[in-house]
PDB file of all heavy atoms in Angstrom:
ATOM      1  N   TRP A   1     -23.156 -18.753  27.313  1.00  0.00           N
ATOM      2  CA  TRP A   1     -24.585 -19.071  27.286  1.00  0.00           C
ATOM      3  C   TRP A   1     -25.362 -18.130  26.365  1.00  0.00           C
ATOM      4  O   TRP A   1     -26.189 -18.600  25.560  1.00  0.00           O
ATOM      5  CB  TRP A   1     -25.150 -19.076  28.712  1.00  0.00           C
ATOM      6  CG  TRP A   1     -26.614 -19.367  28.764  1.00  0.00           C
ATOM      7  CD1 TRP A   1     -27.586 -18.576  29.277  1.00  0.00           C
ATOM      8  CD2 TRP A   1     -27.288 -20.528  28.257  1.00  0.00           C
ATOM      9  NE1 TRP A   1     -28.826 -19.167  29.139  1.00  0.00           N
ATOM     10  CE2 TRP A   1     -28.673 -20.364  28.504  1.00  0.00           C
ATOM     11  CE3 TRP A   1     -26.852 -21.686  27.609  1.00  0.00           C
ATOM     12  CZ2 TRP A   1     -29.623 -21.316  28.138  1.00  0.00           C
ATOM     13  CZ3 TRP A   1     -27.805 -22.645  27.236  1.00  0.00           C
ATOM     14  CH2 TRP A   1     -29.165 -22.449  27.510  1.00  0.00           C
ATOM     15  N   PRO A   2     -25.105 -16.800  26.401  1.00  0.00           N
ATOM     16  CA  PRO A   2     -25.789 -15.921  25.436  1.00  0.00           C
ATOM     17  C   PRO A   2     -25.505 -16.314  23.981  1.00  0.00           C
ATOM     18  O   PRO A   2     -26.385 -16.196  23.127  1.00  0.00           O
ATOM     19  CB  PRO A   2     -25.205 -14.536  25.752  1.00  0.00           C
ATOM     20  CG  PRO A   2     -24.813 -14.614  27.187  1.00  0.00           C
ATOM     21  CD  PRO A   2     -24.341 -16.022  27.398  1.00  0.00           C
ATOM     22  N   ALA A   3     -24.261 -16.781  23.691  1.00  0.00           N
ATOM     23  CA  ALA A   3     -23.907 -17.206  22.325  1.00  0.00           C
ATOM     24  C   ALA A   3     -24.744 -18.419  21.914  1.00  0.00           C
ATOM     25  O   ALA A   3     -25.285 -18.475  20.801  1.00  0.00           O
ATOM     26  CB  ALA A   3     -22.419 -17.529  22.232  1.00  0.00           C
ATOM     27  N   LEU A   4     -24.873 -19.386  22.835  1.00  0.00           N
ATOM     28  CA  LEU A   4     -25.669 -20.591  22.546  1.00  0.00           C
ATOM     29  C   LEU A   4     -27.146 -20.233  22.400  1.00  0.00           C
ATOM     30  O   LEU A   4     -27.850 -20.773  21.545  1.00  0.00           O
ATOM     31  CB  LEU A   4     -25.491 -21.627  23.668  1.00  0.00           C
ATOM     32  CG  LEU A   4     -24.107 -22.299  23.746  1.00  0.00           C
ATOM     33  CD1 LEU A   4     -23.964 -23.079  25.037  1.00  0.00           C
ATOM     34  CD2 LEU A   4     -23.873 -23.217  22.540  1.00  0.00           C
ATOM     35  N   ARG A   5     -27.601 -19.287  23.238  1.00  0.00           N
ATOM     36  CA  ARG A   5     -28.998 -18.847  23.166  1.00  0.00           C
ATOM     37  C   ARG A   5     -29.281 -18.173  21.823  1.00  0.00           C
ATOM     38  O   ARG A   5     -30.348 -18.353  21.234  1.00  0.00           O
ATOM     39  CB  ARG A   5     -29.289 -17.889  24.330  1.00  0.00           C
ATOM     40  CG  ARG A   5     -30.552 -18.274  25.058  1.00  0.00           C
ATOM     41  CD  ARG A   5     -30.950 -17.435  26.232  1.00  0.00           C
ATOM     42  NE  ARG A   5     -30.444 -16.094  26.288  1.00  0.00           N
ATOM     43  CZ  ARG A   5     -29.766 -15.609  27.321  1.00  0.00           C
ATOM     44  NH1 ARG A   5     -29.514 -16.377  28.369  1.00  0.00           N
ATOM     45  NH2 ARG A   5     -29.337 -14.368  27.338  1.00  0.00           N
ATOM     46  N   MET A   6     -28.289 -17.407  21.338  1.00  0.00           N
ATOM     47  CA  MET A   6     -28.440 -16.734  20.046  1.00  0.00           C
ATOM     48  C   MET A   6     -28.581 -17.761  18.919  1.00  0.00           C
ATOM     49  O   MET A   6     -29.393 -17.592  18.006  1.00  0.00           O
ATOM     50  CB  MET A   6     -27.231 -15.820  19.776  1.00  0.00           C
ATOM     51  CG  MET A   6     -27.374 -15.051  18.468  1.00  0.00           C
ATOM     52  SD  MET A   6     -25.913 -14.092  18.059  1.00  0.00           S
ATOM     53  CE  MET A   6     -26.164 -12.665  19.080  1.00  0.00           C
ATOM     54  N   ILE A   7     -27.789 -18.842  19.003  1.00  0.00           N
ATOM     55  CA  ILE A   7     -27.864 -19.904  17.983  1.00  0.00           C
ATOM     56  C   ILE A   7     -29.276 -20.486  17.944  1.00  0.00           C
ATOM     57  O   ILE A   7     -29.880 -20.628  16.873  1.00  0.00           O
ATOM     58  CB  ILE A   7     -26.832 -21.027  18.279  1.00  0.00           C
ATOM     59  CG1 ILE A   7     -25.398 -20.520  18.024  1.00  0.00           C
ATOM     60  CG2 ILE A   7     -27.112 -22.277  17.439  1.00  0.00           C
ATOM     61  CD1 ILE A   7     -24.296 -21.456  18.515  1.00  0.00           C
ATOM     62  N   LEU A   8     -29.833 -20.793  19.122  1.00  0.00           N
ATOM     63  CA  LEU A   8     -31.172 -21.394  19.198  1.00  0.00           C
ATOM     64  C   LEU A   8     -32.264 -20.423  18.750  1.00  0.00           C
ATOM     65  O   LEU A   8     -33.207 -20.803  18.063  1.00  0.00           O
ATOM     66  CB  LEU A   8     -31.454 -21.875  20.632  1.00  0.00           C
ATOM     67  CG  LEU A   8     -30.579 -23.039  21.119  1.00  0.00           C
ATOM     68  CD1 LEU A   8     -30.741 -23.249  22.616  1.00  0.00           C
ATOM     69  CD2 LEU A   8     -30.908 -24.322  20.367  1.00  0.00           C
ATOM     70  N   ARG A   9     -32.087 -19.152  19.119  1.00  0.00           N
ATOM     71  CA  ARG A   9     -33.095 -18.142  18.757  1.00  0.00           C
ATOM     72  C   ARG A   9     -33.094 -17.885  17.248  1.00  0.00           C
ATOM     73  O   ARG A   9     -34.136 -17.865  16.604  1.00  0.00           O
ATOM     74  CB  ARG A   9     -32.824 -16.840  19.531  1.00  0.00           C
ATOM     75  CG  ARG A   9     -33.925 -15.795  19.379  1.00  0.00           C
ATOM     76  CD  ARG A   9     -33.653 -14.557  20.201  1.00  0.00           C
ATOM     77  NE  ARG A   9     -32.497 -13.813  19.733  1.00  0.00           N
ATOM     78  CZ  ARG A   9     -31.370 -13.653  20.426  1.00  0.00           C
ATOM     79  NH1 ARG A   9     -31.251 -14.190  21.623  1.00  0.00           N
ATOM     80  NH2 ARG A   9     -30.345 -12.974  19.936  1.00  0.00           N
ATOM     81  N   GLU A  10     -31.891 -17.695  16.688  1.00  0.00           N
ATOM     82  CA  GLU A  10     -31.759 -17.352  15.264  1.00  0.00           C
ATOM     83  C   GLU A  10     -32.104 -18.527  14.345  1.00  0.00           C
ATOM     84  O   GLU A  10     -32.406 -18.327  13.169  1.00  0.00           O
ATOM     85  CB  GLU A  10     -30.336 -16.871  14.965  1.00  0.00           C
ATOM     86  CG  GLU A  10     -30.002 -15.521  15.566  1.00  0.00           C
ATOM     87  CD  GLU A  10     -30.835 -14.390  14.975  1.00  0.00           C
ATOM     88  OE1 GLU A  10     -30.957 -14.310  13.749  1.00  0.00           O
ATOM     89  OE2 GLU A  10     -31.395 -13.592  15.761  1.00  0.00           O
ATOM     90  N   ALA A  11     -32.039 -19.766  14.869  1.00  0.00           N
ATOM     91  CA  ALA A  11     -32.347 -20.949  14.054  1.00  0.00           C
ATOM     92  C   ALA A  11     -33.779 -20.929  13.552  1.00  0.00           C
ATOM     93  O   ALA A  11     -34.106 -21.505  12.514  1.00  0.00           O
ATOM     94  CB  ALA A  11     -32.102 -22.220  14.864  1.00  0.00           C
ATOM     95  N   TRP A  12     -34.651 -20.243  14.321  1.00  0.00           N
ATOM     96  CA  TRP A  12     -36.076 -20.206  13.957  1.00  0.00           C
ATOM     97  C   TRP A  12     -36.505 -18.803  13.525  1.00  0.00           C
ATOM     98  O   TRP A  12     -37.677 -18.457  13.598  1.00  0.00           O
ATOM     99  CB  TRP A  12     -36.923 -20.683  15.143  1.00  0.00           C
ATOM    100  CG  TRP A  12     -36.509 -22.054  15.562  1.00  0.00           C
ATOM    101  CD1 TRP A  12     -35.654 -22.410  16.564  1.00  0.00           C
ATOM    102  CD2 TRP A  12     -36.879 -23.273  14.914  1.00  0.00           C
ATOM    103  NE1 TRP A  12     -35.476 -23.770  16.596  1.00  0.00           N
ATOM    104  CE2 TRP A  12     -36.226 -24.336  15.598  1.00  0.00           C
ATOM    105  CE3 TRP A  12     -37.714 -23.594  13.826  1.00  0.00           C
ATOM    106  CZ2 TRP A  12     -36.370 -25.667  15.238  1.00  0.00           C
ATOM    107  CZ3 TRP A  12     -37.868 -24.915  13.468  1.00  0.00           C
ATOM    108  CH2 TRP A  12     -37.206 -25.940  14.163  1.00  0.00           C
ATOM    109  N   ASN A  13     -35.536 -18.027  13.100  1.00  0.00           N
ATOM    110  CA  ASN A  13     -35.828 -16.660  12.676  1.00  0.00           C
ATOM    111  C   ASN A  13     -36.341 -16.676  11.235  1.00  0.00           C
ATOM    112  O   ASN A  13     -35.566 -16.672  10.289  1.00  0.00           O
ATOM    113  CB  ASN A  13     -34.558 -15.803  12.797  1.00  0.00           C
ATOM    114  CG  ASN A  13     -34.818 -14.350  12.480  1.00  0.00           C
ATOM    115  OD1 ASN A  13     -35.916 -13.972  12.074  1.00  0.00           O
ATOM    116  ND2 ASN A  13     -33.809 -13.526  12.671  1.00  0.00           N
ATOM    117  N   PHE A  14     -37.658 -16.702  11.078  1.00  0.00           N
ATOM    118  CA  PHE A  14     -38.256 -16.793   9.748  1.00  0.00           C
ATOM    119  C   PHE A  14     -38.098 -15.491   8.958  1.00  0.00           C
ATOM    120  O   PHE A  14     -38.296 -15.456   7.759  1.00  0.00           O
ATOM    121  CB  PHE A  14     -39.749 -17.160   9.849  1.00  0.00           C
ATOM    122  CG  PHE A  14     -39.963 -18.584  10.232  1.00  0.00           C
ATOM    123  CD1 PHE A  14     -39.946 -18.971  11.564  1.00  0.00           C
ATOM    124  CD2 PHE A  14     -40.152 -19.553   9.267  1.00  0.00           C
ATOM    125  CE1 PHE A  14     -40.137 -20.296  11.928  1.00  0.00           C
ATOM    126  CE2 PHE A  14     -40.343 -20.877   9.615  1.00  0.00           C
ATOM    127  CZ  PHE A  14     -40.340 -21.249  10.941  1.00  0.00           C
ATOM    128  N   GLU A  15     -37.746 -14.417   9.655  1.00  0.00           N
ATOM    129  CA  GLU A  15     -37.565 -13.131   8.968  1.00  0.00           C
ATOM    130  C   GLU A  15     -36.086 -12.827   8.780  1.00  0.00           C
ATOM    131  O   GLU A  15     -35.681 -11.690   8.614  1.00  0.00           O
ATOM    132  CB  GLU A  15     -38.221 -12.011   9.791  1.00  0.00           C
ATOM    133  CG  GLU A  15     -39.739 -12.124   9.806  1.00  0.00           C
ATOM    134  CD  GLU A  15     -40.358 -11.234  10.886  1.00  0.00           C
ATOM    135  OE1 GLU A  15     -39.676 -10.311  11.347  1.00  0.00           O
ATOM    136  OE2 GLU A  15     -41.518 -11.485  11.241  1.00  0.00           O
ATOM    137  N   THR A  16     -35.296 -13.872   8.800  1.00  0.00           N
ATOM    138  CA  THR A  16     -33.844 -13.693   8.697  1.00  0.00           C
ATOM    139  C   THR A  16     -33.465 -13.041   7.367  1.00  0.00           C
ATOM    140  O   THR A  16     -34.126 -13.240   6.357  1.00  0.00           O
ATOM    141  CB  THR A  16     -33.130 -15.049   8.852  1.00  0.00           C
ATOM    142  OG1 THR A  16     -31.739 -14.839   8.739  1.00  0.00           O
ATOM    143  CG2 THR A  16     -33.543 -16.050   7.805  1.00  0.00           C
ATOM    144  N   ALA A  17     -32.378 -12.288   7.402  1.00  0.00           N
ATOM    145  CA  ALA A  17     -31.923 -11.586   6.190  1.00  0.00           C
ATOM    146  C   ALA A  17     -31.094 -12.500   5.290  1.00  0.00           C
ATOM    147  O   ALA A  17     -30.561 -12.078   4.280  1.00  0.00           O
ATOM    148  CB  ALA A  17     -31.085 -10.375   6.596  1.00  0.00           C
ATOM    149  N   VAL A  18     -30.991 -13.752   5.673  1.00  0.00           N
ATOM    150  CA  VAL A  18     -30.146 -14.679   4.931  1.00  0.00           C
ATOM    151  C   VAL A  18     -30.678 -14.915   3.513  1.00  0.00           C
ATOM    152  O   VAL A  18     -31.868 -14.842   3.264  1.00  0.00           O
ATOM    153  CB  VAL A  18     -30.055 -16.016   5.704  1.00  0.00           C
ATOM    154  CG1 VAL A  18     -31.214 -16.913   5.404  1.00  0.00           C
ATOM    155  CG2 VAL A  18     -28.786 -16.730   5.413  1.00  0.00           C
ATOM    156  N   THR A  19     -29.763 -15.205   2.577  1.00  0.00           N
ATOM    157  CA  THR A  19     -30.152 -15.473   1.195  1.00  0.00           C
ATOM    158  C   THR A  19     -31.075 -16.674   1.154  1.00  0.00           C
ATOM    159  O   THR A  19     -30.741 -17.727   1.666  1.00  0.00           O
ATOM    160  CB  THR A  19     -28.897 -15.791   0.347  1.00  0.00           C
ATOM    161  OG1 THR A  19     -27.829 -14.979   0.809  1.00  0.00           O
ATOM    162  CG2 THR A  19     -29.141 -15.560  -1.110  1.00  0.00           C
ATOM    163  N   GLY A  20     -32.240 -16.506   0.536  1.00  0.00           N
ATOM    164  CA  GLY A  20     -33.156 -17.643   0.424  1.00  0.00           C
ATOM    165  C   GLY A  20     -34.040 -17.828   1.634  1.00  0.00           C
ATOM    166  O   GLY A  20     -34.715 -18.844   1.761  1.00  0.00           O
ATOM    167  N   GLY A  21     -34.021 -16.882   2.586  1.00  0.00           N
ATOM    168  CA  GLY A  21     -34.893 -16.966   3.755  1.00  0.00           C
ATOM    169  C   GLY A  21     -34.627 -18.192   4.610  1.00  0.00           C
ATOM    170  O   GLY A  21     -33.516 -18.690   4.690  1.00  0.00           O
ATOM    171  N   PHE A  22     -35.694 -18.697   5.242  1.00  0.00           N
ATOM    172  CA  PHE A  22     -35.576 -19.819   6.187  1.00  0.00           C
ATOM    173  C   PHE A  22     -35.038 -21.068   5.485  1.00  0.00           C
ATOM    174  O   PHE A  22     -34.188 -21.770   6.012  1.00  0.00           O
ATOM    175  CB  PHE A  22     -36.938 -20.097   6.822  1.00  0.00           C
ATOM    176  CG  PHE A  22     -36.890 -21.197   7.847  1.00  0.00           C
ATOM    177  CD1 PHE A  22     -36.203 -21.015   9.038  1.00  0.00           C
ATOM    178  CD2 PHE A  22     -37.503 -22.418   7.622  1.00  0.00           C
ATOM    179  CE1 PHE A  22     -36.144 -22.024   9.994  1.00  0.00           C
ATOM    180  CE2 PHE A  22     -37.456 -23.435   8.567  1.00  0.00           C
ATOM    181  CZ  PHE A  22     -36.776 -23.242   9.749  1.00  0.00           C
ATOM    182  N   TRP A  23     -35.540 -21.350   4.286  1.00  0.00           N
ATOM    183  CA  TRP A  23     -35.091 -22.518   3.520  1.00  0.00           C
ATOM    184  C   TRP A  23     -33.581 -22.407   3.233  1.00  0.00           C
ATOM    185  O   TRP A  23     -32.842 -23.384   3.346  1.00  0.00           O
ATOM    186  CB  TRP A  23     -35.892 -22.612   2.224  1.00  0.00           C
ATOM    187  CG  TRP A  23     -35.349 -23.599   1.229  1.00  0.00           C
ATOM    188  CD1 TRP A  23     -34.828 -23.324   0.009  1.00  0.00           C
ATOM    189  CD2 TRP A  23     -35.281 -25.021   1.371  1.00  0.00           C
ATOM    190  NE1 TRP A  23     -34.434 -24.481  -0.620  1.00  0.00           N
ATOM    191  CE2 TRP A  23     -34.704 -25.539   0.206  1.00  0.00           C
ATOM    192  CE3 TRP A  23     -35.638 -25.910   2.396  1.00  0.00           C
ATOM    193  CZ2 TRP A  23     -34.476 -26.901   0.008  1.00  0.00           C
ATOM    194  CZ3 TRP A  23     -35.414 -27.270   2.199  1.00  0.00           C
ATOM    195  CH2 TRP A  23     -34.844 -27.748   1.026  1.00  0.00           C
ATOM    196  N   GLY A  24     -33.150 -21.186   2.902  1.00  0.00           N
ATOM    197  CA  GLY A  24     -31.716 -20.951   2.646  1.00  0.00           C
ATOM    198  C   GLY A  24     -30.890 -21.243   3.886  1.00  0.00           C
ATOM    199  O   GLY A  24     -29.813 -21.839   3.805  1.00  0.00           O
ATOM    200  N   LEU A  25     -31.415 -20.851   5.055  1.00  0.00           N
ATOM    201  CA  LEU A  25     -30.734 -21.080   6.330  1.00  0.00           C
ATOM    202  C   LEU A  25     -30.514 -22.577   6.569  1.00  0.00           C
ATOM    203  O   LEU A  25     -29.424 -23.021   6.921  1.00  0.00           O
ATOM    204  CB  LEU A  25     -31.593 -20.490   7.459  1.00  0.00           C
ATOM    205  CG  LEU A  25     -31.033 -20.538   8.883  1.00  0.00           C
ATOM    206  CD1 LEU A  25     -29.948 -19.500   9.055  1.00  0.00           C
ATOM    207  CD2 LEU A  25     -32.136 -20.288   9.892  1.00  0.00           C
ATOM    208  N   VAL A  26     -31.576 -23.365   6.357  1.00  0.00           N
ATOM    209  CA  VAL A  26     -31.504 -24.817   6.572  1.00  0.00           C
ATOM    210  C   VAL A  26     -30.526 -25.458   5.592  1.00  0.00           C
ATOM    211  O   VAL A  26     -29.689 -26.282   5.976  1.00  0.00           O
ATOM    212  CB  VAL A  26     -32.917 -25.461   6.445  1.00  0.00           C
ATOM    213  CG1 VAL A  26     -32.836 -26.981   6.576  1.00  0.00           C
ATOM    214  CG2 VAL A  26     -33.859 -24.883   7.496  1.00  0.00           C
ATOM    215  N   ILE A  27     -30.612 -25.069   4.316  1.00  0.00           N
ATOM    216  CA  ILE A  27     -29.736 -25.658   3.281  1.00  0.00           C
ATOM    217  C   ILE A  27     -28.267 -25.365   3.567  1.00  0.00           C
ATOM    218  O   ILE A  27     -27.403 -26.240   3.439  1.00  0.00           O
ATOM    219  CB  ILE A  27     -30.134 -25.136   1.867  1.00  0.00           C
ATOM    220  CG1 ILE A  27     -31.356 -25.894   1.363  1.00  0.00           C
ATOM    221  CG2 ILE A  27     -28.994 -25.269   0.868  1.00  0.00           C
ATOM    222  CD1 ILE A  27     -31.124 -27.361   1.006  1.00  0.00           C
ATOM    223  N   ILE A  28     -27.968 -24.120   3.997  1.00  0.00           N
ATOM    224  CA  ILE A  28     -26.573 -23.772   4.334  1.00  0.00           C
ATOM    225  C   ILE A  28     -26.094 -24.662   5.478  1.00  0.00           C
ATOM    226  O   ILE A  28     -24.980 -25.192   5.447  1.00  0.00           O
ATOM    227  CB  ILE A  28     -26.450 -22.270   4.710  1.00  0.00           C
ATOM    228  CG1 ILE A  28     -26.698 -21.387   3.488  1.00  0.00           C
ATOM    229  CG2 ILE A  28     -25.052 -21.977   5.285  1.00  0.00           C
ATOM    230  CD1 ILE A  28     -26.956 -19.924   3.814  1.00  0.00           C
ATOM    231  N   GLY A  29     -26.965 -24.850   6.494  1.00  0.00           N
ATOM    232  CA  GLY A  29     -26.617 -25.713   7.629  1.00  0.00           C
ATOM    233  C   GLY A  29     -26.310 -27.143   7.191  1.00  0.00           C
ATOM    234  O   GLY A  29     -25.331 -27.746   7.621  1.00  0.00           O
ATOM    235  N   ILE A  30     -27.147 -27.677   6.290  1.00  0.00           N
ATOM    236  CA  ILE A  30     -26.955 -29.056   5.812  1.00  0.00           C
ATOM    237  C   ILE A  30     -25.655 -29.158   5.016  1.00  0.00           C
ATOM    238  O   ILE A  30     -24.860 -30.083   5.215  1.00  0.00           O
ATOM    239  CB  ILE A  30     -28.159 -29.498   4.944  1.00  0.00           C
ATOM    240  CG1 ILE A  30     -29.430 -29.572   5.798  1.00  0.00           C
ATOM    241  CG2 ILE A  30     -27.898 -30.853   4.291  1.00  0.00           C
ATOM    242  CD1 ILE A  30     -30.710 -29.670   4.993  1.00  0.00           C
ATOM    243  N   ARG A  31     -25.442 -28.203   4.119  1.00  0.00           N
ATOM    244  CA  ARG A  31     -24.215 -28.230   3.286  1.00  0.00           C
ATOM    245  C   ARG A  31     -22.955 -28.191   4.136  1.00  0.00           C
ATOM    246  O   ARG A  31     -22.021 -28.953   3.941  1.00  0.00           O
ATOM    247  CB  ARG A  31     -24.203 -27.025   2.337  1.00  0.00           C
ATOM    248  CG  ARG A  31     -25.118 -27.164   1.158  1.00  0.00           C
ATOM    249  CD  ARG A  31     -24.717 -26.166   0.080  1.00  0.00           C
ATOM    250  NE  ARG A  31     -25.698 -26.148  -0.991  1.00  0.00           N
ATOM    251  CZ  ARG A  31     -25.839 -27.079  -1.909  1.00  0.00           C
ATOM    252  NH1 ARG A  31     -25.070 -28.147  -1.881  1.00  0.00           N
ATOM    253  NH2 ARG A  31     -26.758 -26.987  -2.855  1.00  0.00           N
ATOM    254  N   ARG A  32     -22.927 -27.241   5.102  1.00  0.00           N
ATOM    255  CA  ARG A  32     -21.711 -27.093   5.902  1.00  0.00           C
ATOM    256  C   ARG A  32     -21.519 -28.274   6.861  1.00  0.00           C
ATOM    257  O   ARG A  32     -20.409 -28.672   7.146  1.00  0.00           O
ATOM    258  CB  ARG A  32     -21.736 -25.782   6.678  1.00  0.00           C
ATOM    259  CG  ARG A  32     -21.747 -24.529   5.811  1.00  0.00           C
ATOM    260  CD  ARG A  32     -20.393 -24.179   5.185  1.00  0.00           C
ATOM    261  NE  ARG A  32     -19.962 -25.022   4.097  1.00  0.00           N
ATOM    262  CZ  ARG A  32     -20.338 -24.881   2.833  1.00  0.00           C
ATOM    263  NH1 ARG A  32     -21.183 -23.943   2.481  1.00  0.00           N
ATOM    264  NH2 ARG A  32     -19.861 -25.695   1.911  1.00  0.00           N
TER     265      ARG A  32
END
């Protein structure tokens, strides 16, 4: 449950360190 909660929490992390920020996060999700 903590793992699933992390997925839901991090999905809306606008300050994520991911390449390309939030938009990059969504695009990676769509590609994969």
